[in-house]
């Protein structure tokens, strides 16, 4: 991070910490824990979605062709 960005983040954390009655260090600690929990839950959510999508994809591979698929592949010669 650049010095200006780091300084702005420090002042923002300190001012919002004062708003909630916390020091800048306490606010940074709580914010880090909250961000860590949010990151963990997001990671678990993506893994669950990936598993669900893979299972759904397997079912899509073994389905019966629909009518427009049959016509496209020349199976509908009636």
C-alpha atoms as a PDB file:
ATOM      1  CA  UNK A   1       0.000   0.000   0.000  1.00  0.00           C
ATOM      2  CA  UNK A   2       1.133   3.517  -0.542  1.00  0.00           C
ATOM      3  CA  UNK A   3       1.783   5.818   2.375  1.00  0.00           C
ATOM      4  CA  UNK A   4      -1.241   7.982   1.592  1.00  0.00           C
ATOM      5  CA  UNK A   5      -3.572   4.980   1.441  1.00  0.00           C
ATOM      6  CA  UNK A   6      -2.152   3.541   4.639  1.00  0.00           C
ATOM      7  CA  UNK A   7      -2.493   6.878   6.407  1.00  0.00           C
ATOM      8  CA  UNK A   8      -6.078   7.280   5.225  1.00  0.00           C
ATOM      9  CA  UNK A   9      -6.940   3.756   6.382  1.00  0.00           C
ATOM     10  CA  UNK A  10      -5.347   4.420   9.769  1.00  0.00           C
ATOM     11  CA  UNK A  11      -7.270   7.659  10.250  1.00  0.00           C
ATOM     12  CA  UNK A  12     -10.499   6.009   9.108  1.00  0.00           C
ATOM     13  CA  UNK A  13     -10.016   3.139  11.554  1.00  0.00           C
ATOM     14  CA  UNK A  14      -9.155   5.519  14.365  1.00  0.00           C
ATOM     15  CA  UNK A  15     -12.123   7.803  13.722  1.00  0.00           C
ATOM     16  CA  UNK A  16     -14.617   4.966  13.371  1.00  0.00           C
ATOM     17  CA  UNK A  17     -13.085   3.336  16.433  1.00  0.00           C
ATOM     18  CA  UNK A  18     -13.650   6.518  18.399  1.00  0.00           C
ATOM     19  CA  UNK A  19     -17.229   6.553  17.162  1.00  0.00           C
ATOM     20  CA  UNK A  20     -17.773   3.082  18.646  1.00  0.00           C
ATOM     21  CA  UNK A  21     -15.700   3.818  21.754  1.00  0.00           C
ATOM     22  CA  UNK A  22     -12.716   1.661  20.767  1.00  0.00           C
ATOM     23  CA  UNK A  23      -9.092   2.522  20.271  1.00  0.00           C
ATOM     24  CA  UNK A  24      -7.617   2.155  16.805  1.00  0.00           C
ATOM     25  CA  UNK A  25      -5.810  -1.045  17.796  1.00  0.00           C
ATOM     26  CA  UNK A  26      -8.946  -2.639  19.236  1.00  0.00           C
ATOM     27  CA  UNK A  27     -10.974  -1.627  16.200  1.00  0.00           C
ATOM     28  CA  UNK A  28      -8.337  -3.089  13.866  1.00  0.00           C
ATOM     29  CA  UNK A  29      -8.340  -6.334  15.851  1.00  0.00           C
ATOM     30  CA  UNK A  30     -12.125  -6.669  15.731  1.00  0.00           C
ATOM     31  CA  UNK A  31     -12.228  -5.722  12.065  1.00  0.00           C
ATOM     32  CA  UNK A  32      -9.556  -8.322  11.279  1.00  0.00           C
ATOM     33  CA  UNK A  33     -11.504 -11.033  13.078  1.00  0.00           C
ATOM     34  CA  UNK A  34     -14.712 -10.046  11.301  1.00  0.00           C
ATOM     35  CA  UNK A  35     -12.959 -10.016   7.934  1.00  0.00           C
ATOM     36  CA  UNK A  36     -11.403 -13.412   8.650  1.00  0.00           C
ATOM     37  CA  UNK A  37     -14.783 -14.933   9.530  1.00  0.00           C
ATOM     38  CA  UNK A  38     -16.375 -13.400   6.435  1.00  0.00           C
ATOM     39  CA  UNK A  39     -13.565 -14.749   4.245  1.00  0.00           C
ATOM     40  CA  UNK A  40     -13.936 -18.218   5.773  1.00  0.00           C
ATOM     41  CA  UNK A  41     -17.698 -18.293   5.245  1.00  0.00           C
ATOM     42  CA  UNK A  42     -17.301 -17.090   1.659  1.00  0.00           C
ATOM     43  CA  UNK A  43     -14.734 -19.803   0.987  1.00  0.00           C
ATOM     44  CA  UNK A  44     -17.014 -22.492   2.431  1.00  0.00           C
ATOM     45  CA  UNK A  45     -19.907 -21.154   0.369  1.00  0.00           C
ATOM     46  CA  UNK A  46     -17.915 -21.301  -2.858  1.00  0.00           C
ATOM     47  CA  UNK A  47     -16.766 -24.856  -2.097  1.00  0.00           C
ATOM     48  CA  UNK A  48     -20.325 -25.984  -1.424  1.00  0.00           C
ATOM     49  CA  UNK A  49     -21.520 -24.297  -4.613  1.00  0.00           C
ATOM     50  CA  UNK A  50     -18.712 -25.974  -6.573  1.00  0.00           C
ATOM     51  CA  UNK A  51     -19.724 -29.403  -5.248  1.00  0.00           C
ATOM     52  CA  UNK A  52     -23.368 -28.739  -6.025  1.00  0.00           C
ATOM     53  CA  UNK A  53     -22.496 -27.522  -9.520  1.00  0.00           C
ATOM     54  CA  UNK A  54     -20.367 -30.590 -10.232  1.00  0.00           C
ATOM     55  CA  UNK A  55     -23.175 -32.923  -9.185  1.00  0.00           C
ATOM     56  CA  UNK A  56     -25.631 -30.949 -11.285  1.00  0.00           C
ATOM     57  CA  UNK A  57     -23.219 -31.076 -14.206  1.00  0.00           C
ATOM     58  CA  UNK A  58     -22.919 -34.848 -13.972  1.00  0.00           C
ATOM     59  CA  UNK A  59     -26.680 -35.160 -14.196  1.00  0.00           C
ATOM     60  CA  UNK A  60     -26.733 -32.885 -17.226  1.00  0.00           C
ATOM     61  CA  UNK A  61     -24.287 -35.180 -19.020  1.00  0.00           C
ATOM     62  CA  UNK A  62     -26.479 -38.266 -18.552  1.00  0.00           C
ATOM     63  CA  UNK A  63     -29.850 -36.785 -19.433  1.00  0.00           C
ATOM     64  CA  UNK A  64     -32.017 -37.802 -22.318  1.00  0.00           C
ATOM     65  CA  UNK A  65     -31.774 -35.437 -25.298  1.00  0.00           C
ATOM     66  CA  UNK A  66     -34.608 -32.959 -25.655  1.00  0.00           C
ATOM     67  CA  UNK A  67     -36.548 -32.543 -28.880  1.00  0.00           C
ATOM     68  CA  UNK A  68     -34.389 -29.756 -30.305  1.00  0.00           C
ATOM     69  CA  UNK A  69     -31.257 -31.833 -29.560  1.00  0.00           C
ATOM     70  CA  UNK A  70     -32.659 -34.761 -31.553  1.00  0.00           C
ATOM     71  CA  UNK A  71     -33.379 -32.543 -34.535  1.00  0.00           C
ATOM     72  CA  UNK A  72     -29.937 -30.980 -34.368  1.00  0.00           C
ATOM     73  CA  UNK A  73     -28.211 -34.371 -34.375  1.00  0.00           C
ATOM     74  CA  UNK A  74     -30.331 -35.847 -37.153  1.00  0.00           C
ATOM     75  CA  UNK A  75     -32.179 -38.359 -35.007  1.00  0.00           C
ATOM     76  CA  UNK A  76     -35.586 -36.989 -35.945  1.00  0.00           C
ATOM     77  CA  UNK A  77     -36.032 -38.365 -39.480  1.00  0.00           C
ATOM     78  CA  UNK A  78     -39.798 -38.823 -39.368  1.00  0.00           C
END
